[in-house]
Amino acid sequence: MYRKVEDYVEDWNASANGTLNVIKAITNDKLDQAIVEGHSTLGWLAWHLVGSVGFFGGLSGLKIEVPAHTEPVPTDVTEIVAAYEKVMASMENEIANLTDDSLTERVPAFGTEISRGKLLRTFIDHQTHHRGQMTVLLRQAGLAVPGVMGPTKEMQ
């Protein structure tokens, strides 16, 4: 749970930049890569992470403009990268409106009320979870995995 805006900003920036690097590692011909048929693809996961900024931001009281959830996954990864960069900038602008006190305020989410700081922590955890799935799919697809939390095998 976050109690200081500066702590959230530091974690968000690291998490978002890591996610952006993972999205940039995808190639158009591998957007449909899934662990097995019928499971989430690299493209779907990347597009989901674009939308999740708006979802979690909205629950947190932040105004983040994202593509409609009904929009199909783009077939060009540069569109996903551009959309993620746009929501990153929007999140940065909205975070500027938060105060340390606002992080302890309770907000409705997932059928209960939790502190805004806890919800923002859950958001980063959600992003990390899907980014981890994506790194497995990148490797399965034969693509290089960027270092996010440290060096990868490809970097050794």
N, C-alpha and C. Protein backbone atom coordinates (compact mmCIF):
# COMPACT_ATOMS: atom_id res chain seq x y z
N MET A 1 0.85 -1.18 0.00
CA MET A 1 0.00 0.00 0.00
C MET A 1 0.89 1.24 0.00
N TYR A 2 0.51 2.19 -0.77
CA TYR A 2 1.27 3.44 -0.85
C TYR A 2 0.68 4.46 0.10
N ARG A 3 1.59 5.16 0.80
CA ARG A 3 1.19 6.25 1.67
C ARG A 3 1.82 7.57 1.24
N LYS A 4 2.79 7.48 0.34
CA LYS A 4 3.47 8.66 -0.18
C LYS A 4 3.39 8.63 -1.70
N VAL A 5 2.94 9.72 -2.28
CA VAL A 5 2.81 9.81 -3.73
C VAL A 5 4.15 9.56 -4.40
N GLU A 6 5.22 10.10 -3.84
CA GLU A 6 6.54 9.93 -4.47
C GLU A 6 6.93 8.46 -4.56
N ASP A 7 6.51 7.64 -3.60
CA ASP A 7 6.80 6.20 -3.66
C ASP A 7 6.03 5.55 -4.81
N TYR A 8 4.77 5.95 -4.97
CA TYR A 8 3.99 5.40 -6.08
C TYR A 8 4.59 5.83 -7.42
N VAL A 9 4.95 7.09 -7.54
CA VAL A 9 5.52 7.60 -8.79
C VAL A 9 6.77 6.81 -9.16
N GLU A 10 7.62 6.56 -8.19
CA GLU A 10 8.85 5.80 -8.46
C GLU A 10 8.53 4.39 -8.95
N ASP A 11 7.62 3.70 -8.28
CA ASP A 11 7.24 2.35 -8.69
C ASP A 11 6.51 2.34 -10.02
N TRP A 12 5.58 3.29 -10.21
CA TRP A 12 4.84 3.35 -11.48
C TRP A 12 5.80 3.57 -12.65
N ASN A 13 6.72 4.51 -12.50
CA ASN A 13 7.65 4.79 -13.61
C ASN A 13 8.47 3.56 -13.96
N ALA A 14 8.99 2.86 -12.96
CA ALA A 14 9.78 1.66 -13.23
C ALA A 14 8.91 0.58 -13.86
N SER A 15 7.72 0.37 -13.33
CA SER A 15 6.83 -0.67 -13.85
C SER A 15 6.38 -0.35 -15.26
N ALA A 16 5.97 0.88 -15.50
CA ALA A 16 5.48 1.27 -16.82
C ALA A 16 6.58 1.20 -17.87
N ASN A 17 7.78 1.65 -17.53
CA ASN A 17 8.88 1.58 -18.48
C ASN A 17 9.26 0.14 -18.78
N GLY A 18 9.24 -0.71 -17.77
CA GLY A 18 9.50 -2.13 -18.00
C GLY A 18 8.45 -2.75 -18.90
N THR A 19 7.20 -2.41 -18.66
CA THR A 19 6.11 -2.93 -19.49
C THR A 19 6.25 -2.42 -20.92
N LEU A 20 6.57 -1.16 -21.08
CA LEU A 20 6.76 -0.60 -22.42
C LEU A 20 7.86 -1.35 -23.16
N ASN A 21 8.95 -1.66 -22.49
CA ASN A 21 10.04 -2.39 -23.14
C ASN A 21 9.62 -3.79 -23.56
N VAL A 22 8.80 -4.43 -22.75
CA VAL A 22 8.29 -5.76 -23.10
C VAL A 22 7.38 -5.66 -24.32
N ILE A 23 6.50 -4.67 -24.34
CA ILE A 23 5.62 -4.50 -25.50
C ILE A 23 6.44 -4.22 -26.76
N LYS A 24 7.47 -3.40 -26.63
CA LYS A 24 8.31 -3.07 -27.79
C LYS A 24 9.06 -4.30 -28.32
N ALA A 25 9.23 -5.32 -27.50
CA ALA A 25 9.95 -6.53 -27.92
C ALA A 25 9.10 -7.44 -28.81
N ILE A 26 7.80 -7.18 -28.85
CA ILE A 26 6.88 -8.00 -29.66
C ILE A 26 7.03 -7.59 -31.13
N THR A 27 6.95 -8.56 -32.00
CA THR A 27 6.92 -8.29 -33.44
C THR A 27 5.51 -8.58 -33.96
N ASN A 28 5.15 -7.94 -35.05
CA ASN A 28 3.80 -8.10 -35.59
C ASN A 28 3.46 -9.56 -35.87
N ASP A 29 4.44 -10.33 -36.34
CA ASP A 29 4.16 -11.73 -36.68
C ASP A 29 3.99 -12.61 -35.45
N LYS A 30 4.29 -12.08 -34.26
CA LYS A 30 4.15 -12.86 -33.03
C LYS A 30 3.04 -12.35 -32.12
N LEU A 31 2.24 -11.41 -32.58
CA LEU A 31 1.14 -10.89 -31.76
C LEU A 31 0.16 -11.99 -31.36
N ASP A 32 0.04 -13.04 -32.17
CA ASP A 32 -0.90 -14.13 -31.87
C ASP A 32 -0.27 -15.26 -31.06
N GLN A 33 0.96 -15.07 -30.58
CA GLN A 33 1.64 -16.10 -29.80
C GLN A 33 0.90 -16.34 -28.48
N ALA A 34 0.54 -17.59 -28.23
CA ALA A 34 -0.11 -17.98 -26.97
C ALA A 34 0.58 -19.23 -26.45
N ILE A 35 0.47 -19.48 -25.17
CA ILE A 35 1.09 -20.66 -24.57
C ILE A 35 0.49 -21.93 -25.17
N VAL A 36 -0.82 -21.92 -25.34
CA VAL A 36 -1.54 -22.98 -26.06
C VAL A 36 -2.75 -22.31 -26.72
N GLU A 37 -3.29 -22.99 -27.69
CA GLU A 37 -4.46 -22.47 -28.41
C GLU A 37 -5.58 -22.07 -27.44
N GLY A 38 -6.15 -20.90 -27.67
CA GLY A 38 -7.28 -20.46 -26.86
C GLY A 38 -6.90 -19.66 -25.63
N HIS A 39 -5.61 -19.52 -25.35
CA HIS A 39 -5.18 -18.73 -24.19
C HIS A 39 -4.78 -17.32 -24.64
N SER A 40 -4.51 -16.47 -23.70
CA SER A 40 -4.16 -15.08 -24.00
C SER A 40 -2.92 -15.01 -24.89
N THR A 41 -2.99 -14.13 -25.89
CA THR A 41 -1.87 -13.95 -26.81
C THR A 41 -1.03 -12.75 -26.37
N LEU A 42 0.16 -12.65 -26.94
CA LEU A 42 1.00 -11.49 -26.67
C LEU A 42 0.26 -10.20 -26.99
N GLY A 43 -0.40 -10.17 -28.14
CA GLY A 43 -1.12 -8.97 -28.54
C GLY A 43 -2.25 -8.64 -27.58
N TRP A 44 -3.01 -9.67 -27.19
CA TRP A 44 -4.13 -9.43 -26.28
C TRP A 44 -3.62 -8.91 -24.95
N LEU A 45 -2.56 -9.53 -24.42
CA LEU A 45 -2.02 -9.11 -23.13
C LEU A 45 -1.52 -7.66 -23.19
N ALA A 46 -0.81 -7.31 -24.26
CA ALA A 46 -0.31 -5.95 -24.39
C ALA A 46 -1.46 -4.95 -24.47
N TRP A 47 -2.49 -5.28 -25.25
CA TRP A 47 -3.64 -4.39 -25.39
C TRP A 47 -4.42 -4.31 -24.08
N HIS A 48 -4.50 -5.42 -23.36
CA HIS A 48 -5.16 -5.45 -22.06
C HIS A 48 -4.44 -4.51 -21.09
N LEU A 49 -3.12 -4.48 -21.13
CA LEU A 49 -2.38 -3.60 -20.24
C LEU A 49 -2.61 -2.13 -20.57
N VAL A 50 -2.82 -1.82 -21.84
CA VAL A 50 -3.19 -0.44 -22.20
C VAL A 50 -4.51 -0.09 -21.52
N GLY A 51 -5.50 -0.94 -21.67
CA GLY A 51 -6.82 -0.67 -21.09
C GLY A 51 -6.84 -0.69 -19.58
N SER A 52 -5.98 -1.51 -18.99
CA SER A 52 -6.00 -1.62 -17.52
C SER A 52 -5.56 -0.34 -16.84
N VAL A 53 -4.78 0.48 -17.52
CA VAL A 53 -4.40 1.78 -16.94
C VAL A 53 -5.66 2.61 -16.72
N GLY A 54 -6.55 2.60 -17.68
CA GLY A 54 -7.81 3.32 -17.53
C GLY A 54 -8.72 2.70 -16.49
N PHE A 55 -8.77 1.37 -16.46
CA PHE A 55 -9.63 0.68 -15.51
C PHE A 55 -9.20 0.98 -14.08
N PHE A 56 -7.95 0.68 -13.76
CA PHE A 56 -7.48 0.91 -12.39
C PHE A 56 -7.41 2.40 -12.07
N GLY A 57 -7.01 3.19 -13.06
CA GLY A 57 -7.00 4.63 -12.85
C GLY A 57 -8.38 5.15 -12.51
N GLY A 58 -9.38 4.68 -13.26
CA GLY A 58 -10.76 5.09 -13.00
C GLY A 58 -11.24 4.71 -11.62
N LEU A 59 -10.94 3.49 -11.20
CA LEU A 59 -11.31 3.07 -9.84
C LEU A 59 -10.64 3.96 -8.80
N SER A 60 -9.44 4.43 -9.13
CA SER A 60 -8.67 5.26 -8.20
C SER A 60 -9.08 6.72 -8.23
N GLY A 61 -10.01 7.07 -9.14
CA GLY A 61 -10.45 8.45 -9.26
C GLY A 61 -9.63 9.27 -10.23
N LEU A 62 -8.80 8.61 -11.02
CA LEU A 62 -7.97 9.30 -12.01
C LEU A 62 -8.66 9.24 -13.37
N LYS A 63 -8.51 10.26 -14.15
CA LYS A 63 -9.14 10.33 -15.47
C LYS A 63 -8.10 9.97 -16.53
N ILE A 64 -8.11 8.71 -16.93
CA ILE A 64 -7.17 8.21 -17.93
C ILE A 64 -7.97 7.81 -19.17
N GLU A 65 -7.69 8.46 -20.28
CA GLU A 65 -8.38 8.12 -21.52
C GLU A 65 -7.69 6.93 -22.17
N VAL A 66 -8.47 5.89 -22.43
CA VAL A 66 -7.95 4.68 -23.07
C VAL A 66 -8.88 4.29 -24.22
N PRO A 67 -8.38 3.46 -25.13
CA PRO A 67 -9.26 2.96 -26.19
C PRO A 67 -10.41 2.15 -25.58
N ALA A 68 -11.54 2.15 -26.24
CA ALA A 68 -12.69 1.37 -25.76
C ALA A 68 -12.32 -0.10 -25.67
N HIS A 69 -12.81 -0.77 -24.64
CA HIS A 69 -12.46 -2.19 -24.46
C HIS A 69 -13.02 -3.06 -25.58
N THR A 70 -13.92 -2.51 -26.37
CA THR A 70 -14.49 -3.26 -27.49
C THR A 70 -13.63 -3.17 -28.75
N GLU A 71 -12.63 -2.27 -28.73
CA GLU A 71 -11.76 -2.15 -29.89
C GLU A 71 -10.90 -3.41 -30.01
N PRO A 72 -10.75 -3.94 -31.22
CA PRO A 72 -9.95 -5.15 -31.39
C PRO A 72 -8.46 -4.86 -31.16
N VAL A 73 -7.73 -5.92 -30.85
CA VAL A 73 -6.28 -5.80 -30.68
C VAL A 73 -5.68 -5.34 -32.02
N PRO A 74 -4.90 -4.28 -32.00
CA PRO A 74 -4.27 -3.84 -33.25
C PRO A 74 -3.38 -4.94 -33.84
N THR A 75 -3.22 -4.91 -35.14
CA THR A 75 -2.36 -5.89 -35.81
C THR A 75 -0.96 -5.35 -36.04
N ASP A 76 -0.73 -4.12 -35.61
CA ASP A 76 0.59 -3.50 -35.71
C ASP A 76 1.03 -3.11 -34.29
N VAL A 77 2.12 -3.70 -33.84
CA VAL A 77 2.58 -3.47 -32.47
C VAL A 77 2.90 -1.99 -32.23
N THR A 78 3.25 -1.24 -33.27
CA THR A 78 3.53 0.18 -33.05
C THR A 78 2.29 0.93 -32.57
N GLU A 79 1.11 0.47 -32.94
CA GLU A 79 -0.13 1.09 -32.44
C GLU A 79 -0.30 0.81 -30.95
N ILE A 80 0.06 -0.39 -30.53
CA ILE A 80 -0.04 -0.73 -29.10
C ILE A 80 0.97 0.08 -28.31
N VAL A 81 2.20 0.18 -28.83
CA VAL A 81 3.24 0.97 -28.17
C VAL A 81 2.78 2.42 -28.03
N ALA A 82 2.26 3.00 -29.10
CA ALA A 82 1.80 4.39 -29.06
C ALA A 82 0.67 4.57 -28.05
N ALA A 83 -0.25 3.62 -28.00
CA ALA A 83 -1.36 3.71 -27.04
C ALA A 83 -0.86 3.60 -25.61
N TYR A 84 0.11 2.71 -25.38
CA TYR A 84 0.65 2.56 -24.02
C TYR A 84 1.41 3.83 -23.62
N GLU A 85 2.19 4.38 -24.54
CA GLU A 85 2.91 5.63 -24.23
C GLU A 85 1.92 6.75 -23.91
N LYS A 86 0.81 6.78 -24.59
CA LYS A 86 -0.21 7.81 -24.34
C LYS A 86 -0.82 7.64 -22.94
N VAL A 87 -1.14 6.41 -22.54
CA VAL A 87 -1.72 6.23 -21.21
C VAL A 87 -0.67 6.45 -20.12
N MET A 88 0.60 6.16 -20.42
CA MET A 88 1.67 6.47 -19.46
C MET A 88 1.70 7.97 -19.19
N ALA A 89 1.64 8.77 -20.24
CA ALA A 89 1.67 10.23 -20.09
C ALA A 89 0.43 10.72 -19.35
N SER A 90 -0.72 10.14 -19.66
CA SER A 90 -1.96 10.52 -18.99
C SER A 90 -1.88 10.20 -17.50
N MET A 91 -1.34 9.02 -17.19
CA MET A 91 -1.19 8.63 -15.79
C MET A 91 -0.25 9.59 -15.07
N GLU A 92 0.83 9.96 -15.71
CA GLU A 92 1.77 10.90 -15.11
C GLU A 92 1.09 12.23 -14.79
N ASN A 93 0.27 12.72 -15.71
CA ASN A 93 -0.46 13.97 -15.48
C ASN A 93 -1.45 13.84 -14.33
N GLU A 94 -2.14 12.73 -14.26
CA GLU A 94 -3.15 12.53 -13.21
C GLU A 94 -2.52 12.32 -11.84
N ILE A 95 -1.39 11.64 -11.80
CA ILE A 95 -0.70 11.41 -10.52
C ILE A 95 -0.35 12.74 -9.87
N ALA A 96 -0.08 13.75 -10.68
CA ALA A 96 0.27 15.07 -10.15
C ALA A 96 -0.84 15.65 -9.29
N ASN A 97 -2.07 15.15 -9.44
CA ASN A 97 -3.20 15.64 -8.65
C ASN A 97 -3.37 14.90 -7.33
N LEU A 98 -2.62 13.82 -7.14
CA LEU A 98 -2.73 13.06 -5.89
C LEU A 98 -1.96 13.75 -4.78
N THR A 99 -2.41 13.51 -3.55
CA THR A 99 -1.69 13.96 -2.37
C THR A 99 -1.45 12.74 -1.49
N ASP A 100 -0.53 12.86 -0.57
CA ASP A 100 -0.29 11.75 0.36
C ASP A 100 -1.58 11.38 1.09
N ASP A 101 -2.34 12.39 1.51
CA ASP A 101 -3.60 12.12 2.21
C ASP A 101 -4.59 11.38 1.32
N SER A 102 -4.60 11.69 0.03
CA SER A 102 -5.57 11.04 -0.86
C SER A 102 -5.29 9.54 -1.00
N LEU A 103 -4.07 9.12 -0.73
CA LEU A 103 -3.74 7.69 -0.84
C LEU A 103 -4.38 6.86 0.26
N THR A 104 -4.72 7.49 1.37
CA THR A 104 -5.36 6.76 2.47
C THR A 104 -6.89 6.78 2.37
N GLU A 105 -7.43 7.59 1.47
CA GLU A 105 -8.88 7.63 1.27
C GLU A 105 -9.37 6.29 0.73
N ARG A 106 -10.53 5.89 1.19
CA ARG A 106 -11.11 4.62 0.74
C ARG A 106 -11.97 4.86 -0.50
N VAL A 107 -11.81 3.96 -1.46
CA VAL A 107 -12.56 4.06 -2.72
C VAL A 107 -13.23 2.72 -2.99
N PRO A 108 -14.38 2.74 -3.65
CA PRO A 108 -15.05 1.47 -3.97
C PRO A 108 -14.29 0.74 -5.09
N ALA A 109 -14.04 -0.55 -4.84
CA ALA A 109 -13.35 -1.37 -5.85
C ALA A 109 -13.58 -2.84 -5.54
N PHE A 110 -13.91 -3.59 -6.56
CA PHE A 110 -14.04 -5.05 -6.46
C PHE A 110 -15.03 -5.48 -5.38
N GLY A 111 -16.13 -4.76 -5.27
CA GLY A 111 -17.18 -5.13 -4.34
C GLY A 111 -16.94 -4.75 -2.90
N THR A 112 -15.94 -3.95 -2.64
CA THR A 112 -15.64 -3.51 -1.29
C THR A 112 -15.06 -2.10 -1.36
N GLU A 113 -14.54 -1.62 -0.27
CA GLU A 113 -13.83 -0.35 -0.26
C GLU A 113 -12.42 -0.60 0.22
N ILE A 114 -11.45 -0.04 -0.50
CA ILE A 114 -10.05 -0.17 -0.10
C ILE A 114 -9.38 1.19 -0.25
N SER A 115 -8.24 1.34 0.37
CA SER A 115 -7.54 2.62 0.25
C SER A 115 -7.04 2.79 -1.18
N ARG A 116 -7.00 4.02 -1.60
CA ARG A 116 -6.50 4.33 -2.94
C ARG A 116 -5.06 3.83 -3.09
N GLY A 117 -4.27 3.96 -2.05
CA GLY A 117 -2.88 3.49 -2.09
C GLY A 117 -2.78 1.99 -2.30
N LYS A 118 -3.69 1.23 -1.69
CA LYS A 118 -3.69 -0.22 -1.89
C LYS A 118 -4.15 -0.56 -3.30
N LEU A 119 -5.14 0.15 -3.79
CA LEU A 119 -5.63 -0.09 -5.15
C LEU A 119 -4.52 0.18 -6.17
N LEU A 120 -3.77 1.24 -5.97
CA LEU A 120 -2.67 1.54 -6.89
C LEU A 120 -1.57 0.48 -6.81
N ARG A 121 -1.37 -0.10 -5.63
CA ARG A 121 -0.41 -1.21 -5.49
C ARG A 121 -0.93 -2.43 -6.26
N THR A 122 -2.22 -2.69 -6.14
CA THR A 122 -2.84 -3.81 -6.86
C THR A 122 -2.68 -3.62 -8.36
N PHE A 123 -2.81 -2.38 -8.82
CA PHE A 123 -2.64 -2.08 -10.24
C PHE A 123 -1.24 -2.45 -10.71
N ILE A 124 -0.22 -2.05 -9.97
CA ILE A 124 1.15 -2.39 -10.37
C ILE A 124 1.35 -3.90 -10.32
N ASP A 125 0.79 -4.57 -9.31
CA ASP A 125 0.89 -6.03 -9.24
C ASP A 125 0.23 -6.68 -10.46
N HIS A 126 -0.92 -6.16 -10.86
CA HIS A 126 -1.64 -6.67 -12.03
C HIS A 126 -0.77 -6.54 -13.28
N GLN A 127 -0.17 -5.38 -13.44
CA GLN A 127 0.69 -5.14 -14.59
C GLN A 127 1.90 -6.08 -14.57
N THR A 128 2.50 -6.26 -13.41
CA THR A 128 3.66 -7.14 -13.27
C THR A 128 3.28 -8.58 -13.61
N HIS A 129 2.13 -9.02 -13.15
CA HIS A 129 1.64 -10.37 -13.44
C HIS A 129 1.57 -10.61 -14.95
N HIS A 130 0.91 -9.71 -15.66
CA HIS A 130 0.76 -9.90 -17.10
C HIS A 130 2.08 -9.70 -17.85
N ARG A 131 2.91 -8.82 -17.36
CA ARG A 131 4.23 -8.63 -17.99
C ARG A 131 5.04 -9.92 -17.87
N GLY A 132 4.93 -10.60 -16.74
CA GLY A 132 5.60 -11.88 -16.57
C GLY A 132 5.10 -12.91 -17.56
N GLN A 133 3.79 -12.96 -17.76
CA GLN A 133 3.24 -13.87 -18.76
C GLN A 133 3.81 -13.56 -20.14
N MET A 134 3.93 -12.28 -20.42
CA MET A 134 4.42 -11.86 -21.74
C MET A 134 5.87 -12.26 -21.95
N THR A 135 6.69 -12.21 -20.90
CA THR A 135 8.10 -12.58 -21.08
C THR A 135 8.22 -14.06 -21.42
N VAL A 136 7.37 -14.88 -20.83
CA VAL A 136 7.37 -16.31 -21.18
C VAL A 136 6.98 -16.49 -22.64
N LEU A 137 5.96 -15.77 -23.07
CA LEU A 137 5.51 -15.88 -24.46
C LEU A 137 6.55 -15.33 -25.44
N LEU A 138 7.26 -14.27 -25.05
CA LEU A 138 8.34 -13.76 -25.90
C LEU A 138 9.39 -14.84 -26.12
N ARG A 139 9.79 -15.48 -25.05
CA ARG A 139 10.81 -16.52 -25.16
C ARG A 139 10.28 -17.69 -25.99
N GLN A 140 9.04 -18.09 -25.74
CA GLN A 140 8.44 -19.18 -26.50
C GLN A 140 8.39 -18.83 -27.99
N ALA A 141 8.21 -17.56 -28.30
CA ALA A 141 8.13 -17.11 -29.69
C ALA A 141 9.50 -16.94 -30.34
N GLY A 142 10.56 -17.11 -29.55
CA GLY A 142 11.91 -16.96 -30.08
C GLY A 142 12.37 -15.51 -30.15
N LEU A 143 11.70 -14.63 -29.41
CA LEU A 143 12.06 -13.22 -29.38
C LEU A 143 12.92 -12.93 -28.15
N ALA A 144 13.73 -11.90 -28.22
CA ALA A 144 14.57 -11.51 -27.09
C ALA A 144 13.70 -10.94 -25.98
N VAL A 145 14.04 -11.30 -24.76
CA VAL A 145 13.32 -10.81 -23.58
C VAL A 145 14.13 -9.66 -22.98
N PRO A 146 13.54 -8.48 -22.89
CA PRO A 146 14.27 -7.34 -22.32
C PRO A 146 14.42 -7.49 -20.80
N GLY A 147 15.49 -6.94 -20.28
CA GLY A 147 15.67 -6.94 -18.83
C GLY A 147 14.73 -5.92 -18.21
N VAL A 148 13.91 -6.37 -17.30
CA VAL A 148 12.99 -5.47 -16.61
C VAL A 148 13.38 -5.38 -15.14
N MET A 149 13.54 -6.53 -14.51
CA MET A 149 13.90 -6.58 -13.10
C MET A 149 15.37 -6.98 -12.93
N GLY A 150 16.10 -7.00 -14.02
CA GLY A 150 17.50 -7.41 -14.03
C GLY A 150 17.82 -8.04 -15.37
N PRO A 151 19.08 -8.47 -15.54
CA PRO A 151 19.47 -9.03 -16.84
C PRO A 151 18.77 -10.35 -17.15
N THR A 152 18.52 -10.56 -18.42
CA THR A 152 17.93 -11.81 -18.89
C THR A 152 19.02 -12.68 -19.49
N LYS A 153 18.68 -13.91 -19.81
CA LYS A 153 19.64 -14.83 -20.42
C LYS A 153 20.24 -14.22 -21.68
N GLU A 154 19.39 -13.55 -22.46
CA GLU A 154 19.87 -12.93 -23.70
C GLU A 154 20.91 -11.84 -23.45
N MET A 155 20.92 -11.29 -22.27
CA MET A 155 21.83 -10.19 -21.95
C MET A 155 23.16 -10.69 -21.40
N GLN A 156 23.27 -11.97 -21.10
CA GLN A 156 24.50 -12.51 -20.49
C GLN A 156 25.55 -12.81 -21.53
